[in-house]
Amino acid sequence: MLIPKEIRNDLKAHHNEMLKTFNQNSWIIPIITLLHIIPLAIGIHGFWKSRALNKQLKIEREKTKQLALEHVTTVETETTDHHCKFPCLPRFMHQAHNED
């Protein structure tokens, strides 16, 4: 899609006016450049800081997991932890048979 002729003429007039301003006041160029660089630098700094904090968070999560694993002393399965706390009949019979 082509830009209409009026818009092209307006953009050309604006560009010519800006070039004329820059030619008359060349000290504006470093200031405008600086104004564009500052937000870019802040964005880059924020990206790297966020990345470092995310890495630190992963390290802390892993440390927490390791500490949790150290505190687990016994793991009981469903077969050893019976709901009524009595040994099942086959195990009871086996124990009774071995005592004789």
C-alpha atoms as a PDB file:
ATOM      1  CA  MET A   1       0.000   0.000   0.000  1.00  0.00           C
ATOM      2  CA  LEU A   2       1.472   3.302  -1.057  1.00  0.00           C
ATOM      3  CA  ILE A   3       1.446   6.373   1.144  1.00  0.00           C
ATOM      4  CA  PRO A   4      -0.849   9.093  -0.192  1.00  0.00           C
ATOM      5  CA  LYS A   5       0.865  12.033  -1.808  1.00  0.00           C
ATOM      6  CA  GLU A   6      -0.221  14.526   0.886  1.00  0.00           C
ATOM      7  CA  ILE A   7       1.305  12.457   3.688  1.00  0.00           C
ATOM      8  CA  ARG A   8       4.548  12.053   1.732  1.00  0.00           C
ATOM      9  CA  ASN A   9       4.721  15.801   1.177  1.00  0.00           C
ATOM     10  CA  ASP A  10       4.098  16.497   4.880  1.00  0.00           C
ATOM     11  CA  LEU A  11       6.824  14.014   5.914  1.00  0.00           C
ATOM     12  CA  LYS A  12       9.264  15.515   3.424  1.00  0.00           C
ATOM     13  CA  ALA A  13       8.551  19.026   4.748  1.00  0.00           C
ATOM     14  CA  HIS A  14       9.044  17.828   8.343  1.00  0.00           C
ATOM     15  CA  HIS A  15      12.348  16.114   7.465  1.00  0.00           C
ATOM     16  CA  ASN A  16      13.601  19.205   5.654  1.00  0.00           C
ATOM     17  CA  GLU A  17      12.678  21.353   8.670  1.00  0.00           C
ATOM     18  CA  MET A  18      14.493  18.978  11.069  1.00  0.00           C
ATOM     19  CA  LEU A  19      17.611  18.924   8.855  1.00  0.00           C
ATOM     20  CA  LYS A  20      17.586  22.716   8.752  1.00  0.00           C
ATOM     21  CA  THR A  21      17.292  22.833  12.572  1.00  0.00           C
ATOM     22  CA  PHE A  22      20.148  20.366  12.994  1.00  0.00           C
ATOM     23  CA  ASN A  23      22.355  22.322  10.586  1.00  0.00           C
ATOM     24  CA  GLN A  24      21.724  25.572  12.496  1.00  0.00           C
ATOM     25  CA  ASN A  25      22.008  24.017  15.984  1.00  0.00           C
ATOM     26  CA  SER A  26      24.408  21.109  15.764  1.00  0.00           C
ATOM     27  CA  TRP A  27      24.675  20.905  19.587  1.00  0.00           C
ATOM     28  CA  ILE A  28      21.180  19.322  19.631  1.00  0.00           C
ATOM     29  CA  ILE A  29      22.401  16.063  18.031  1.00  0.00           C
ATOM     30  CA  PRO A  30      24.354  14.713  21.077  1.00  0.00           C
ATOM     31  CA  ILE A  31      21.505  15.660  23.408  1.00  0.00           C
ATOM     32  CA  ILE A  32      18.905  13.847  21.298  1.00  0.00           C
ATOM     33  CA  THR A  33      21.225  10.839  21.016  1.00  0.00           C
ATOM     34  CA  LEU A  34      21.660  10.824  24.795  1.00  0.00           C
ATOM     35  CA  LEU A  35      17.912  11.029  25.303  1.00  0.00           C
ATOM     36  CA  HIS A  36      17.531   7.897  23.178  1.00  0.00           C
ATOM     37  CA  ILE A  37      20.409   6.029  24.829  1.00  0.00           C
ATOM     38  CA  ILE A  38      19.275   6.530  28.447  1.00  0.00           C
ATOM     39  CA  PRO A  39      16.061   4.448  28.196  1.00  0.00           C
ATOM     40  CA  LEU A  40      17.946   1.824  26.216  1.00  0.00           C
ATOM     41  CA  ALA A  41      20.629   1.560  28.910  1.00  0.00           C
ATOM     42  CA  ILE A  42      18.001   1.323  31.646  1.00  0.00           C
ATOM     43  CA  GLY A  43      16.236  -1.445  29.741  1.00  0.00           C
ATOM     44  CA  ILE A  44      19.448  -3.426  29.226  1.00  0.00           C
ATOM     45  CA  HIS A  45      20.409  -3.019  32.883  1.00  0.00           C
ATOM     46  CA  GLY A  46      16.947  -4.178  33.985  1.00  0.00           C
ATOM     47  CA  PHE A  47      17.132  -7.203  31.692  1.00  0.00           C
ATOM     48  CA  TRP A  48      20.490  -8.340  33.093  1.00  0.00           C
ATOM     49  CA  LYS A  49      19.443  -7.657  36.688  1.00  0.00           C
ATOM     50  CA  SER A  50      16.246  -9.655  36.184  1.00  0.00           C
ATOM     51  CA  ARG A  51      18.212 -12.499  34.638  1.00  0.00           C
ATOM     52  CA  ALA A  52      20.649 -12.564  37.582  1.00  0.00           C
ATOM     53  CA  LEU A  53      17.815 -12.536  40.121  1.00  0.00           C
ATOM     54  CA  ASN A  54      16.033 -15.339  38.267  1.00  0.00           C
ATOM     55  CA  LYS A  55      19.211 -17.423  38.396  1.00  0.00           C
ATOM     56  CA  GLN A  56      19.589 -16.676  42.118  1.00  0.00           C
ATOM     57  CA  LEU A  57      15.970 -17.744  42.677  1.00  0.00           C
ATOM     58  CA  LYS A  58      16.623 -21.071  40.936  1.00  0.00           C
ATOM     59  CA  ILE A  59      19.685 -21.633  43.151  1.00  0.00           C
ATOM     60  CA  GLU A  60      17.675 -20.885  46.309  1.00  0.00           C
ATOM     61  CA  ARG A  61      14.890 -23.251  45.208  1.00  0.00           C
ATOM     62  CA  GLU A  62      17.430 -26.017  44.668  1.00  0.00           C
ATOM     63  CA  LYS A  63      18.963 -25.370  48.111  1.00  0.00           C
ATOM     64  CA  THR A  64      15.499 -25.596  49.650  1.00  0.00           C
ATOM     65  CA  LYS A  65      14.860 -28.898  47.888  1.00  0.00           C
ATOM     66  CA  GLN A  66      18.179 -30.279  49.123  1.00  0.00           C
ATOM     67  CA  LEU A  67      17.429 -29.227  52.711  1.00  0.00           C
ATOM     68  CA  ALA A  68      13.998 -30.838  52.520  1.00  0.00           C
ATOM     69  CA  LEU A  69      15.559 -34.085  51.290  1.00  0.00           C
ATOM     70  CA  GLU A  70      18.062 -34.044  54.166  1.00  0.00           C
ATOM     71  CA  HIS A  71      15.276 -33.735  56.738  1.00  0.00           C
ATOM     72  CA  VAL A  72      13.355 -36.713  55.409  1.00  0.00           C
ATOM     73  CA  THR A  73      14.493 -39.613  57.577  1.00  0.00           C
ATOM     74  CA  THR A  74      12.107 -42.377  56.673  1.00  0.00           C
ATOM     75  CA  VAL A  75       9.726 -42.923  53.865  1.00  0.00           C
ATOM     76  CA  GLU A  76       6.878 -45.243  54.645  1.00  0.00           C
ATOM     77  CA  THR A  77       4.974 -46.881  51.867  1.00  0.00           C
ATOM     78  CA  GLU A  78       1.317 -47.792  51.930  1.00  0.00           C
ATOM     79  CA  THR A  79       2.124 -51.492  52.358  1.00  0.00           C
ATOM     80  CA  THR A  80       4.083 -51.018  55.605  1.00  0.00           C
ATOM     81  CA  ASP A  81       1.748 -48.432  57.097  1.00  0.00           C
ATOM     82  CA  HIS A  82      -1.500 -50.349  57.516  1.00  0.00           C
ATOM     83  CA  HIS A  83      -4.632 -48.380  58.328  1.00  0.00           C
ATOM     84  CA  CYS A  84      -5.481 -50.374  61.461  1.00  0.00           C
ATOM     85  CA  LYS A  85      -1.876 -50.717  62.692  1.00  0.00           C
ATOM     86  CA  PHE A  86      -2.115 -54.518  62.877  1.00  0.00           C
ATOM     87  CA  PRO A  87      -0.008 -56.835  60.721  1.00  0.00           C
ATOM     88  CA  CYS A  88      -1.766 -58.450  57.828  1.00  0.00           C
ATOM     89  CA  LEU A  89      -2.738 -62.129  58.174  1.00  0.00           C
ATOM     90  CA  PRO A  90      -0.059 -63.628  55.873  1.00  0.00           C
ATOM     91  CA  ARG A  91       2.701 -61.742  57.659  1.00  0.00           C
ATOM     92  CA  PHE A  92       1.247 -62.705  61.052  1.00  0.00           C
ATOM     93  CA  MET A  93       1.138 -66.375  60.023  1.00  0.00           C
ATOM     94  CA  HIS A  94       4.692 -66.217  58.721  1.00  0.00           C
ATOM     95  CA  GLN A  95       5.923 -64.719  62.006  1.00  0.00           C
ATOM     96  CA  ALA A  96       4.052 -67.322  64.012  1.00  0.00           C
ATOM     97  CA  HIS A  97       5.482 -70.124  61.889  1.00  0.00           C
ATOM     98  CA  ASN A  98       9.070 -68.854  62.268  1.00  0.00           C
ATOM     99  CA  GLU A  99       8.780 -68.538  66.074  1.00  0.00           C
ATOM    100  CA  ASP A 100       8.282 -72.302  66.458  1.00  0.00           C
END
